């Protein structure tokens, strides 16, 4: 089969490789569409360690061509693949923390992923998709699962004021899910005027550009208290520090953006003095996938505005350059495999 193979950091090429088969006990999916995200970029550049050669890609949908096991959708089923691998028997799996399984991993990082014609995955990681979800939008469901998992941990309550720092794909999904959860006021903050407009259209009550007046504007919107919950969705240490500044006394900060920093400065005394509850969310569980497929049926989430570019699979190198470039109107890049 044809696959985009990462041979070394920042070196990807189209190659012919052996097609996976169900003899390993995993089902085989013919991939039709996949998504590119910041995690892929970190793997691509070497920021997240990987073993080469590697086929990246962890946001993928397609059709089952070989089904293995009773828990897999059957051949011909239109499906989405949960990339989080787990054993199902360890302590964490038994208490529902499948994303923390020490025996697991991530498809597209720890084993070959979806930037190829075919991908293999355990049957329990494959979910049939409802017909109303389009092929181009469907890879975004994987991102949605991580947002839902994070917000479930943050426990948004009706009446909460929620500030979202960073309005990329993840941030805009946070806007929509916070709205669905009953947040009273949703404040989105980003430098991009275009993304602020998108956030407005998706349910944000207030959108701001980050500047010296940001804190005062948040205080004005919260009767001088600060936000009940601040979601850091930019993946920058300086933005995480800003989140701690904008949250109210006794409030919550949700770290959603992925940080690969091994050192840096944060206002730890503020965290103590304000009694901030810091919540860190990682990936998603199998139950999040099932819940998000149901959520898509409720039409409370709109994925279409989050797609900015569609490219053929053999242009993955260009897609990586695009993800790494700060373009004002760039969102999710979808790779078409067929």
C-alpha atoms as a PDB file:
ATOM      1  CA  UNK A   1       0.000   0.000   0.000  1.00  0.00           C
ATOM      2  CA  UNK A   2       0.990   3.650  -0.291  1.00  0.00           C
ATOM      3  CA  UNK A   3       1.816   5.517   2.890  1.00  0.00           C
ATOM      4  CA  UNK A   4       3.427   8.752   3.991  1.00  0.00           C
ATOM      5  CA  UNK A   5       6.443   7.551   5.972  1.00  0.00           C
ATOM      6  CA  UNK A   6       8.367   9.684   8.465  1.00  0.00           C
ATOM      7  CA  UNK A   7      11.967   8.523   8.148  1.00  0.00           C
ATOM      8  CA  UNK A   8      13.496  11.125  10.464  1.00  0.00           C
ATOM      9  CA  UNK A   9      12.397  14.418  12.038  1.00  0.00           C
ATOM     10  CA  UNK A  10      10.817  16.653   9.346  1.00  0.00           C
ATOM     11  CA  UNK A  11      11.490  14.061   6.592  1.00  0.00           C
ATOM     12  CA  UNK A  12       8.328  12.484   5.175  1.00  0.00           C
ATOM     13  CA  UNK A  13       7.905  10.739   1.820  1.00  0.00           C
ATOM     14  CA  UNK A  14       5.357   8.687  -0.108  1.00  0.00           C
ATOM     15  CA  UNK A  15       6.429   5.038  -0.057  1.00  0.00           C
ATOM     16  CA  UNK A  16       5.100   1.582  -0.866  1.00  0.00           C
ATOM     17  CA  UNK A  17       4.900  -0.462   2.337  1.00  0.00           C
ATOM     18  CA  UNK A  18       3.310  -3.723   3.398  1.00  0.00           C
ATOM     19  CA  UNK A  19      -0.450  -3.548   3.908  1.00  0.00           C
ATOM     20  CA  UNK A  20      -1.641  -4.560   7.386  1.00  0.00           C
ATOM     21  CA  UNK A  21      -3.856  -7.623   7.700  1.00  0.00           C
ATOM     22  CA  UNK A  22      -6.195  -9.090  10.287  1.00  0.00           C
ATOM     23  CA  UNK A  23      -3.857 -11.990  11.079  1.00  0.00           C
ATOM     24  CA  UNK A  24      -2.463  -9.916  13.957  1.00  0.00           C
ATOM     25  CA  UNK A  25      -5.875  -9.882  15.634  1.00  0.00           C
ATOM     26  CA  UNK A  26      -6.613  -6.274  14.676  1.00  0.00           C
ATOM     27  CA  UNK A  27      -9.196  -5.118  12.169  1.00  0.00           C
ATOM     28  CA  UNK A  28      -8.081  -3.341   8.995  1.00  0.00           C
ATOM     29  CA  UNK A  29      -9.641  -0.058   7.862  1.00  0.00           C
ATOM     30  CA  UNK A  30      -9.300   1.523   4.428  1.00  0.00           C
ATOM     31  CA  UNK A  31      -8.672   5.155   5.329  1.00  0.00           C
ATOM     32  CA  UNK A  32     -10.617   7.725   3.308  1.00  0.00           C
ATOM     33  CA  UNK A  33      -9.939  10.918   5.291  1.00  0.00           C
ATOM     34  CA  UNK A  34      -7.611  11.999   8.077  1.00  0.00           C
ATOM     35  CA  UNK A  35      -6.905  15.146  10.049  1.00  0.00           C
ATOM     36  CA  UNK A  36      -3.640  16.942  10.785  1.00  0.00           C
ATOM     37  CA  UNK A  37      -3.098  18.628  14.144  1.00  0.00           C
ATOM     38  CA  UNK A  38      -0.477  20.154  16.389  1.00  0.00           C
ATOM     39  CA  UNK A  39       0.367  16.790  17.940  1.00  0.00           C
ATOM     40  CA  UNK A  40       1.253  15.492  14.471  1.00  0.00           C
ATOM     41  CA  UNK A  41       3.494  18.522  13.997  1.00  0.00           C
ATOM     42  CA  UNK A  42       5.304  17.823  17.283  1.00  0.00           C
ATOM     43  CA  UNK A  43       5.862  14.195  16.222  1.00  0.00           C
ATOM     44  CA  UNK A  44       6.919  15.359  12.741  1.00  0.00           C
ATOM     45  CA  UNK A  45       9.546  17.776  14.067  1.00  0.00           C
ATOM     46  CA  UNK A  46      10.788  15.463  16.815  1.00  0.00           C
ATOM     47  CA  UNK A  47       9.288  17.458  19.693  1.00  0.00           C
ATOM     48  CA  UNK A  48       7.439  14.290  20.687  1.00  0.00           C
ATOM     49  CA  UNK A  49       9.838  11.318  20.486  1.00  0.00           C
ATOM     50  CA  UNK A  50       9.061   8.520  18.021  1.00  0.00           C
ATOM     51  CA  UNK A  51      10.750   5.476  16.522  1.00  0.00           C
ATOM     52  CA  UNK A  52      11.457   5.716  12.796  1.00  0.00           C
ATOM     53  CA  UNK A  53      10.314   4.817  10.236  1.00  0.00           C
ATOM     54  CA  UNK A  54       6.791   5.757  11.312  1.00  0.00           C
ATOM     55  CA  UNK A  55       3.451   6.348   9.627  1.00  0.00           C
ATOM     56  CA  UNK A  56       1.867   9.188  11.596  1.00  0.00           C
ATOM     57  CA  UNK A  57      -1.820  10.072  11.803  1.00  0.00           C
ATOM     58  CA  UNK A  58      -4.265   9.585  14.678  1.00  0.00           C
ATOM     59  CA  UNK A  59      -7.432  11.280  13.374  1.00  0.00           C
ATOM     60  CA  UNK A  60      -8.874   8.957  10.732  1.00  0.00           C
ATOM     61  CA  UNK A  61     -12.062   7.542   9.312  1.00  0.00           C
ATOM     62  CA  UNK A  62     -12.790   5.003   6.630  1.00  0.00           C
ATOM     63  CA  UNK A  63     -14.307   1.610   5.891  1.00  0.00           C
ATOM     64  CA  UNK A  64     -13.609  -1.744   7.535  1.00  0.00           C
ATOM     65  CA  UNK A  65     -12.143  -4.171   4.981  1.00  0.00           C
ATOM     66  CA  UNK A  66     -11.133  -6.953   7.401  1.00  0.00           C
ATOM     67  CA  UNK A  67     -12.919  -7.395  10.720  1.00  0.00           C
ATOM     68  CA  UNK A  68     -11.212  -9.241  13.560  1.00  0.00           C
ATOM     69  CA  UNK A  69     -13.077 -10.192  16.718  1.00  0.00           C
ATOM     70  CA  UNK A  70     -16.676  -9.873  17.814  1.00  0.00           C
ATOM     71  CA  UNK A  71     -16.216  -6.309  19.098  1.00  0.00           C
ATOM     72  CA  UNK A  72     -15.304  -4.874  15.673  1.00  0.00           C
ATOM     73  CA  UNK A  73     -17.813  -3.409  13.229  1.00  0.00           C
ATOM     74  CA  UNK A  74     -18.111  -5.734  10.275  1.00  0.00           C
ATOM     75  CA  UNK A  75     -16.541  -5.376   6.830  1.00  0.00           C
ATOM     76  CA  UNK A  76     -18.171  -2.594   4.840  1.00  0.00           C
ATOM     77  CA  UNK A  77     -18.972  -0.498   7.916  1.00  0.00           C
ATOM     78  CA  UNK A  78     -18.176   3.211   7.796  1.00  0.00           C
ATOM     79  CA  UNK A  79     -16.112   3.860  10.912  1.00  0.00           C
ATOM     80  CA  UNK A  80     -13.917   6.148  12.969  1.00  0.00           C
ATOM     81  CA  UNK A  81     -10.822   4.870  14.771  1.00  0.00           C
ATOM     82  CA  UNK A  82     -10.058   5.705  18.398  1.00  0.00           C
ATOM     83  CA  UNK A  83      -6.250   6.039  18.355  1.00  0.00           C
ATOM     84  CA  UNK A  84      -5.743   5.507  22.098  1.00  0.00           C
ATOM     85  CA  UNK A  85      -4.554   1.932  22.625  1.00  0.00           C
ATOM     86  CA  UNK A  86      -5.244   0.209  25.948  1.00  0.00           C
ATOM     87  CA  UNK A  87      -5.004  -3.297  27.381  1.00  0.00           C
ATOM     88  CA  UNK A  88      -8.381  -3.404  29.137  1.00  0.00           C
ATOM     89  CA  UNK A  89      -7.088  -5.357  32.143  1.00  0.00           C
ATOM     90  CA  UNK A  90      -4.707  -3.107  34.126  1.00  0.00           C
ATOM     91  CA  UNK A  91      -5.684  -0.989  37.146  1.00  0.00           C
ATOM     92  CA  UNK A  92      -6.334   2.152  35.079  1.00  0.00           C
ATOM     93  CA  UNK A  93      -8.388   0.338  32.458  1.00  0.00           C
ATOM     94  CA  UNK A  94     -10.494  -1.349  35.143  1.00  0.00           C
ATOM     95  CA  UNK A  95     -11.466   2.040  36.624  1.00  0.00           C
ATOM     96  CA  UNK A  96     -12.221   3.586  33.224  1.00  0.00           C
ATOM     97  CA  UNK A  97      -8.962   5.511  32.711  1.00  0.00           C
ATOM     98  CA  UNK A  98      -8.125   3.769  29.453  1.00  0.00           C
ATOM     99  CA  UNK A  99      -6.193   6.825  28.231  1.00  0.00           C
ATOM    100  CA  UNK A 100      -3.688   6.301  31.072  1.00  0.00           C
ATOM    101  CA  UNK A 101      -3.054   2.606  30.382  1.00  0.00           C
ATOM    102  CA  UNK A 102       0.681   1.943  30.942  1.00  0.00           C
ATOM    103  CA  UNK A 103       0.500  -0.915  28.443  1.00  0.00           C
ATOM    104  CA  UNK A 104      -1.114   1.199  25.739  1.00  0.00           C
ATOM    105  CA  UNK A 105      -0.023   3.917  23.360  1.00  0.00           C
ATOM    106  CA  UNK A 106      -1.188   6.079  20.487  1.00  0.00           C
ATOM    107  CA  UNK A 107      -1.779   4.980  16.927  1.00  0.00           C
ATOM    108  CA  UNK A 108       0.335   7.283  14.780  1.00  0.00           C
ATOM    109  CA  UNK A 109       3.006   7.665  17.452  1.00  0.00           C
ATOM    110  CA  UNK A 110       3.665   4.258  18.999  1.00  0.00           C
ATOM    111  CA  UNK A 111       2.507   2.201  16.028  1.00  0.00           C
ATOM    112  CA  UNK A 112       1.778   3.038  12.405  1.00  0.00           C
ATOM    113  CA  UNK A 113      -1.158   5.363  11.934  1.00  0.00           C
ATOM    114  CA  UNK A 114      -3.605   6.729   9.448  1.00  0.00           C
ATOM    115  CA  UNK A 115      -1.579   8.696   6.887  1.00  0.00           C
ATOM    116  CA  UNK A 116      -1.782   5.672   4.599  1.00  0.00           C
ATOM    117  CA  UNK A 117      -4.202   3.703   2.460  1.00  0.00           C
ATOM    118  CA  UNK A 118      -4.910   1.282   5.322  1.00  0.00           C
ATOM    119  CA  UNK A 119      -4.533   1.193   9.096  1.00  0.00           C
ATOM    120  CA  UNK A 120      -4.975  -1.596  11.631  1.00  0.00           C
ATOM    121  CA  UNK A 121      -6.578  -1.196  15.050  1.00  0.00           C
ATOM    122  CA  UNK A 122      -8.158  -3.371  17.745  1.00  0.00           C
ATOM    123  CA  UNK A 123     -11.855  -3.965  17.200  1.00  0.00           C
ATOM    124  CA  UNK A 124     -12.713  -2.208  20.473  1.00  0.00           C
ATOM    125  CA  UNK A 125     -11.089   0.963  19.076  1.00  0.00           C
ATOM    126  CA  UNK A 126     -13.330   1.095  16.006  1.00  0.00           C
ATOM    127  CA  UNK A 127     -16.755   2.758  16.093  1.00  0.00           C
ATOM    128  CA  UNK A 128     -19.476   2.761  13.449  1.00  0.00           C
ATOM    129  CA  UNK A 129     -20.412   6.289  12.368  1.00  0.00           C
ATOM    130  CA  UNK A 130     -23.907   7.684  11.808  1.00  0.00           C
ATOM    131  CA  UNK A 131     -24.592   8.565   8.166  1.00  0.00           C
ATOM    132  CA  UNK A 132     -25.326  12.308   8.695  1.00  0.00           C
ATOM    133  CA  UNK A 133     -21.669  12.981   9.602  1.00  0.00           C
ATOM    134  CA  UNK A 134     -19.741  13.860   6.431  1.00  0.00           C
ATOM    135  CA  UNK A 135     -16.419  12.201   5.609  1.00  0.00           C
ATOM    136  CA  UNK A 136     -14.559  15.523   5.650  1.00  0.00           C
ATOM    137  CA  UNK A 137     -15.910  16.515   9.053  1.00  0.00           C
ATOM    138  CA  UNK A 138     -15.650  13.097  10.701  1.00  0.00           C
ATOM    139  CA  UNK A 139     -11.904  13.150  11.584  1.00  0.00           C
ATOM    140  CA  UNK A 140     -12.664  16.121  13.848  1.00  0.00           C
ATOM    141  CA  UNK A 141     -14.665  13.840  16.126  1.00  0.00           C
ATOM    142  CA  UNK A 142     -11.375  12.588  17.559  1.00  0.00           C
ATOM    143  CA  UNK A 143     -10.540  16.158  18.595  1.00  0.00           C
ATOM    144  CA  UNK A 144     -14.051  16.566  19.988  1.00  0.00           C
ATOM    145  CA  UNK A 145     -13.522  13.542  22.253  1.00  0.00           C
ATOM    146  CA  UNK A 146     -10.504  15.198  23.875  1.00  0.00           C
ATOM    147  CA  UNK A 147     -12.479  18.402  24.444  1.00  0.00           C
ATOM    148  CA  UNK A 148     -15.393  16.503  25.981  1.00  0.00           C
ATOM    149  CA  UNK A 149     -13.059  14.498  28.207  1.00  0.00           C
ATOM    150  CA  UNK A 150     -11.403  17.711  29.414  1.00  0.00           C
ATOM    151  CA  UNK A 151     -14.681  19.515  30.066  1.00  0.00           C
ATOM    152  CA  UNK A 152     -16.119  16.540  31.928  1.00  0.00           C
ATOM    153  CA  UNK A 153     -13.092  16.753  34.235  1.00  0.00           C
ATOM    154  CA  UNK A 154     -13.592  20.512  34.638  1.00  0.00           C
ATOM    155  CA  UNK A 155     -17.282  20.012  35.496  1.00  0.00           C
ATOM    156  CA  UNK A 156     -18.810  23.116  33.903  1.00  0.00           C
ATOM    157  CA  UNK A 157     -21.951  24.056  35.812  1.00  0.00           C
ATOM    158  CA  UNK A 158     -24.919  26.083  34.561  1.00  0.00           C
ATOM    159  CA  UNK A 159     -24.205  29.732  35.310  1.00  0.00           C
ATOM    160  CA  UNK A 160     -20.418  29.450  35.061  1.00  0.00           C
ATOM    161  CA  UNK A 161     -18.336  32.081  33.321  1.00  0.00           C
ATOM    162  CA  UNK A 162     -15.806  30.330  31.094  1.00  0.00           C
ATOM    163  CA  UNK A 163     -12.783  31.994  29.494  1.00  0.00           C
ATOM    164  CA  UNK A 164     -11.103  30.168  26.605  1.00  0.00           C
ATOM    165  CA  UNK A 165      -7.547  31.231  25.760  1.00  0.00           C
ATOM    166  CA  UNK A 166      -6.763  30.253  22.187  1.00  0.00           C
ATOM    167  CA  UNK A 167      -9.452  29.791  19.548  1.00  0.00           C
ATOM    168  CA  UNK A 168      -8.015  27.182  17.267  1.00  0.00           C
ATOM    169  CA  UNK A 169      -9.958  24.023  16.493  1.00  0.00           C
ATOM    170  CA  UNK A 170      -9.825  22.811  20.105  1.00  0.00           C
ATOM    171  CA  UNK A 171     -10.733  26.217  21.505  1.00  0.00           C
ATOM    172  CA  UNK A 172     -13.726  26.591  19.193  1.00  0.00           C
ATOM    173  CA  UNK A 173     -14.946  23.136  20.161  1.00  0.00           C
ATOM    174  CA  UNK A 174     -14.604  24.219  23.800  1.00  0.00           C
ATOM    175  CA  UNK A 175     -16.855  27.189  22.986  1.00  0.00           C
ATOM    176  CA  UNK A 176     -19.554  24.898  21.621  1.00  0.00           C
ATOM    177  CA  UNK A 177     -19.408  22.307  24.394  1.00  0.00           C
ATOM    178  CA  UNK A 178     -19.338  24.968  27.121  1.00  0.00           C
ATOM    179  CA  UNK A 179     -22.487  26.426  25.568  1.00  0.00           C
ATOM    180  CA  UNK A 180     -24.110  22.994  25.506  1.00  0.00           C
ATOM    181  CA  UNK A 181     -23.133  22.480  29.171  1.00  0.00           C
ATOM    182  CA  UNK A 182     -25.031  25.608  30.208  1.00  0.00           C
ATOM    183  CA  UNK A 183     -22.231  28.125  30.786  1.00  0.00           C
ATOM    184  CA  UNK A 184     -23.719  31.571  31.410  1.00  0.00           C
ATOM    185  CA  UNK A 185     -20.969  33.617  29.772  1.00  0.00           C
ATOM    186  CA  UNK A 186     -18.310  32.340  27.372  1.00  0.00           C
ATOM    187  CA  UNK A 187     -15.359  34.645  26.691  1.00  0.00           C
ATOM    188  CA  UNK A 188     -13.012  33.713  23.857  1.00  0.00           C
ATOM    189  CA  UNK A 189      -9.569  35.305  23.588  1.00  0.00           C
ATOM    190  CA  UNK A 190      -7.296  35.186  20.528  1.00  0.00           C
ATOM    191  CA  UNK A 191      -5.169  37.530  18.431  1.00  0.00           C
ATOM    192  CA  UNK A 192      -6.977  36.487  15.245  1.00  0.00           C
ATOM    193  CA  UNK A 193      -9.920  38.737  14.357  1.00  0.00           C
ATOM    194  CA  UNK A 194     -11.193  36.057  11.976  1.00  0.00           C
ATOM    195  CA  UNK A 195     -11.215  33.391  14.700  1.00  0.00           C
ATOM    196  CA  UNK A 196     -13.041  35.784  17.004  1.00  0.00           C
ATOM    197  CA  UNK A 197     -15.743  36.093  14.350  1.00  0.00           C
ATOM    198  CA  UNK A 198     -15.985  32.304  14.075  1.00  0.00           C
ATOM    199  CA  UNK A 199     -16.241  32.034  17.865  1.00  0.00           C
ATOM    200  CA  UNK A 200     -19.040  34.614  17.863  1.00  0.00           C
ATOM    201  CA  UNK A 201     -20.944  32.557  15.301  1.00  0.00           C
ATOM    202  CA  UNK A 202     -20.510  29.367  17.356  1.00  0.00           C
ATOM    203  CA  UNK A 203     -21.856  30.744  20.618  1.00  0.00           C
ATOM    204  CA  UNK A 204     -19.218  32.876  22.352  1.00  0.00           C
ATOM    205  CA  UNK A 205     -20.804  35.765  24.249  1.00  0.00           C
ATOM    206  CA  UNK A 206     -17.693  37.975  24.297  1.00  0.00           C
ATOM    207  CA  UNK A 207     -14.535  37.773  22.194  1.00  0.00           C
ATOM    208  CA  UNK A 208     -11.371  39.722  22.947  1.00  0.00           C
ATOM    209  CA  UNK A 209      -7.883  40.276  21.618  1.00  0.00           C
ATOM    210  CA  UNK A 210      -5.186  39.706  24.272  1.00  0.00           C
ATOM    211  CA  UNK A 211      -3.737  43.034  25.414  1.00  0.00           C
ATOM    212  CA  UNK A 212      -3.149  45.067  28.548  1.00  0.00           C
ATOM    213  CA  UNK A 213      -6.917  45.549  29.001  1.00  0.00           C
ATOM    214  CA  UNK A 214      -7.848  41.856  28.848  1.00  0.00           C
ATOM    215  CA  UNK A 215      -7.912  41.266  32.598  1.00  0.00           C
ATOM    216  CA  UNK A 216     -10.020  44.342  33.295  1.00  0.00           C
ATOM    217  CA  UNK A 217     -12.507  43.356  30.591  1.00  0.00           C
ATOM    218  CA  UNK A 218     -12.846  39.885  32.124  1.00  0.00           C
ATOM    219  CA  UNK A 219     -13.321  41.454  35.567  1.00  0.00           C
ATOM    220  CA  UNK A 220     -15.964  43.801  34.144  1.00  0.00           C
ATOM    221  CA  UNK A 221     -17.848  40.807  32.723  1.00  0.00           C
ATOM    222  CA  UNK A 222     -17.726  38.916  36.038  1.00  0.00           C
ATOM    223  CA  UNK A 223     -18.659  41.593  38.600  1.00  0.00           C
ATOM    224  CA  UNK A 224     -15.003  41.971  39.507  1.00  0.00           C
ATOM    225  CA  UNK A 225     -14.527  38.308  40.428  1.00  0.00           C
ATOM    226  CA  UNK A 226     -12.739  36.692  37.513  1.00  0.00           C
ATOM    227  CA  UNK A 227     -13.771  33.586  35.605  1.00  0.00           C
ATOM    228  CA  UNK A 228     -15.069  30.413  37.235  1.00  0.00           C
ATOM    229  CA  UNK A 229     -13.102  28.371  34.698  1.00  0.00           C
ATOM    230  CA  UNK A 230     -10.262  29.352  32.371  1.00  0.00           C
ATOM    231  CA  UNK A 231      -9.349  26.907  29.613  1.00  0.00           C
ATOM    232  CA  UNK A 232      -5.802  27.152  28.252  1.00  0.00           C
ATOM    233  CA  UNK A 233      -6.069  25.938  24.659  1.00  0.00           C
ATOM    234  CA  UNK A 234      -2.967  27.492  23.110  1.00  0.00           C
ATOM    235  CA  UNK A 235      -0.278  25.138  24.396  1.00  0.00           C
ATOM    236  CA  UNK A 236       1.962  27.980  25.562  1.00  0.00           C
ATOM    237  CA  UNK A 237       3.383  28.358  29.060  1.00  0.00           C
ATOM    238  CA  UNK A 238       2.847  32.132  29.023  1.00  0.00           C
ATOM    239  CA  UNK A 239      -0.841  31.581  28.239  1.00  0.00           C
ATOM    240  CA  UNK A 240      -1.143  29.102  31.105  1.00  0.00           C
ATOM    241  CA  UNK A 241       0.234  31.821  33.391  1.00  0.00           C
ATOM    242  CA  UNK A 242      -2.369  34.224  31.985  1.00  0.00           C
ATOM    243  CA  UNK A 243      -5.088  31.681  32.777  1.00  0.00           C
ATOM    244  CA  UNK A 244      -4.062  31.749  36.436  1.00  0.00           C
ATOM    245  CA  UNK A 245      -4.311  35.539  36.369  1.00  0.00           C
ATOM    246  CA  UNK A 246      -7.831  35.593  34.895  1.00  0.00           C
ATOM    247  CA  UNK A 247      -9.439  32.933  37.096  1.00  0.00           C
ATOM    248  CA  UNK A 248     -11.352  33.946  40.225  1.00  0.00           C
ATOM    249  CA  UNK A 249     -10.384  33.061  43.789  1.00  0.00           C
ATOM    250  CA  UNK A 250     -11.217  29.383  44.221  1.00  0.00           C
ATOM    251  CA  UNK A 251     -11.700  28.945  40.482  1.00  0.00           C
ATOM    252  CA  UNK A 252     -10.515  26.292  38.052  1.00  0.00           C
ATOM    253  CA  UNK A 253      -7.864  26.297  35.344  1.00  0.00           C
ATOM    254  CA  UNK A 254      -8.047  23.578  32.701  1.00  0.00           C
ATOM    255  CA  UNK A 255      -4.824  22.792  30.896  1.00  0.00           C
ATOM    256  CA  UNK A 256      -5.965  21.562  27.491  1.00  0.00           C
ATOM    257  CA  UNK A 257      -3.098  22.682  25.259  1.00  0.00           C
ATOM    258  CA  UNK A 258      -0.213  20.208  25.111  1.00  0.00           C
ATOM    259  CA  UNK A 259       3.037  21.499  26.622  1.00  0.00           C
ATOM    260  CA  UNK A 260       6.360  19.854  25.838  1.00  0.00           C
ATOM    261  CA  UNK A 261       8.272  22.287  28.080  1.00  0.00           C
ATOM    262  CA  UNK A 262      10.541  20.686  30.664  1.00  0.00           C
ATOM    263  CA  UNK A 263      11.071  23.963  32.522  1.00  0.00           C
ATOM    264  CA  UNK A 264       9.615  27.459  32.708  1.00  0.00           C
ATOM    265  CA  UNK A 265       8.056  30.061  35.002  1.00  0.00           C
ATOM    266  CA  UNK A 266       4.519  29.928  36.395  1.00  0.00           C
ATOM    267  CA  UNK A 267       2.947  32.026  39.190  1.00  0.00           C
ATOM    268  CA  UNK A 268       2.877  29.269  41.801  1.00  0.00           C
ATOM    269  CA  UNK A 269       2.203  31.665  44.661  1.00  0.00           C
ATOM    270  CA  UNK A 270      -0.901  32.899  42.833  1.00  0.00           C
ATOM    271  CA  UNK A 271      -1.996  29.276  42.470  1.00  0.00           C
ATOM    272  CA  UNK A 272      -1.657  28.877  46.243  1.00  0.00           C
ATOM    273  CA  UNK A 273      -3.065  32.253  47.273  1.00  0.00           C
ATOM    274  CA  UNK A 274      -6.084  32.070  44.956  1.00  0.00           C
ATOM    275  CA  UNK A 275      -6.601  28.369  45.785  1.00  0.00           C
ATOM    276  CA  UNK A 276      -6.783  27.565  42.101  1.00  0.00           C
ATOM    277  CA  UNK A 277      -7.871  24.078  41.183  1.00  0.00           C
ATOM    278  CA  UNK A 278      -5.616  23.041  38.288  1.00  0.00           C
ATOM    279  CA  UNK A 279      -7.028  20.329  36.038  1.00  0.00           C
ATOM    280  CA  UNK A 280      -4.915  18.547  33.466  1.00  0.00           C
ATOM    281  CA  UNK A 281      -6.630  16.449  30.804  1.00  0.00           C
ATOM    282  CA  UNK A 282      -4.976  13.882  28.583  1.00  0.00           C
ATOM    283  CA  UNK A 283      -6.517  12.403  25.430  1.00  0.00           C
ATOM    284  CA  UNK A 284      -9.913  10.680  25.793  1.00  0.00           C
ATOM    285  CA  UNK A 285     -11.478   7.377  26.784  1.00  0.00           C
ATOM    286  CA  UNK A 286     -13.482   4.860  24.784  1.00  0.00           C
ATOM    287  CA  UNK A 287     -16.629   6.151  26.471  1.00  0.00           C
ATOM    288  CA  UNK A 288     -15.866   9.672  25.208  1.00  0.00           C
ATOM    289  CA  UNK A 289     -15.958   8.374  21.629  1.00  0.00           C
ATOM    290  CA  UNK A 290     -19.386   6.810  22.081  1.00  0.00           C
ATOM    291  CA  UNK A 291     -20.684   9.955  23.801  1.00  0.00           C
ATOM    292  CA  UNK A 292     -19.381  12.255  21.058  1.00  0.00           C
ATOM    293  CA  UNK A 293     -20.989  10.196  18.313  1.00  0.00           C
ATOM    294  CA  UNK A 294     -24.284  10.627  20.185  1.00  0.00           C
ATOM    295  CA  UNK A 295     -23.534  14.341  20.637  1.00  0.00           C
ATOM    296  CA  UNK A 296     -23.093  14.777  16.888  1.00  0.00           C
ATOM    297  CA  UNK A 297     -26.586  13.392  16.428  1.00  0.00           C
ATOM    298  CA  UNK A 298     -27.968  16.153  18.676  1.00  0.00           C
ATOM    299  CA  UNK A 299     -26.557  18.811  16.310  1.00  0.00           C
ATOM    300  CA  UNK A 300     -25.204  20.841  19.243  1.00  0.00           C
ATOM    301  CA  UNK A 301     -21.765  20.854  17.614  1.00  0.00           C
ATOM    302  CA  UNK A 302     -20.928  22.235  14.167  1.00  0.00           C
ATOM    303  CA  UNK A 303     -17.656  20.918  12.730  1.00  0.00           C
ATOM    304  CA  UNK A 304     -17.867  22.359   9.217  1.00  0.00           C
ATOM    305  CA  UNK A 305     -16.615  25.903  10.076  1.00  0.00           C
ATOM    306  CA  UNK A 306     -13.475  24.390  11.606  1.00  0.00           C
ATOM    307  CA  UNK A 307     -12.128  23.018   8.309  1.00  0.00           C
ATOM    308  CA  UNK A 308      -9.978  25.480   6.365  1.00  0.00           C
ATOM    309  CA  UNK A 309      -8.020  23.282   3.948  1.00  0.00           C
ATOM    310  CA  UNK A 310      -8.409  19.944   2.159  1.00  0.00           C
ATOM    311  CA  UNK A 311      -5.321  18.355   0.564  1.00  0.00           C
ATOM    312  CA  UNK A 312      -4.495  15.009  -1.070  1.00  0.00           C
ATOM    313  CA  UNK A 313      -2.549  12.608   1.129  1.00  0.00           C
ATOM    314  CA  UNK A 314       0.674  12.921  -0.869  1.00  0.00           C
ATOM    315  CA  UNK A 315       0.866  16.595   0.160  1.00  0.00           C
ATOM    316  CA  UNK A 316       1.305  15.756   3.852  1.00  0.00           C
ATOM    317  CA  UNK A 317       4.677  17.525   3.934  1.00  0.00           C
ATOM    318  CA  UNK A 318       2.999  20.720   2.744  1.00  0.00           C
ATOM    319  CA  UNK A 319       0.253  20.225   5.331  1.00  0.00           C
ATOM    320  CA  UNK A 320       2.881  20.047   8.081  1.00  0.00           C
ATOM    321  CA  UNK A 321       4.406  23.309   6.882  1.00  0.00           C
ATOM    322  CA  UNK A 322       0.945  24.875   6.920  1.00  0.00           C
ATOM    323  CA  UNK A 323       0.211  23.684  10.466  1.00  0.00           C
ATOM    324  CA  UNK A 324       3.512  25.159  11.600  1.00  0.00           C
ATOM    325  CA  UNK A 325       2.800  28.536   9.979  1.00  0.00           C
ATOM    326  CA  UNK A 326       0.760  31.143  11.834  1.00  0.00           C
ATOM    327  CA  UNK A 327      -1.836  31.929   9.156  1.00  0.00           C
ATOM    328  CA  UNK A 328      -4.800  34.015  10.373  1.00  0.00           C
ATOM    329  CA  UNK A 329      -7.505  31.922   8.687  1.00  0.00           C
ATOM    330  CA  UNK A 330      -6.058  28.429   9.098  1.00  0.00           C
ATOM    331  CA  UNK A 331      -7.932  25.817  11.074  1.00  0.00           C
ATOM    332  CA  UNK A 332      -8.148  22.063  10.558  1.00  0.00           C
ATOM    333  CA  UNK A 333      -6.408  20.535   7.546  1.00  0.00           C
ATOM    334  CA  UNK A 334      -8.098  17.417   6.193  1.00  0.00           C
ATOM    335  CA  UNK A 335      -6.213  14.913   4.054  1.00  0.00           C
ATOM    336  CA  UNK A 336      -8.249  13.123   1.384  1.00  0.00           C
ATOM    337  CA  UNK A 337      -6.987   9.621   0.645  1.00  0.00           C
ATOM    338  CA  UNK A 338      -9.300   8.775  -2.267  1.00  0.00           C
END
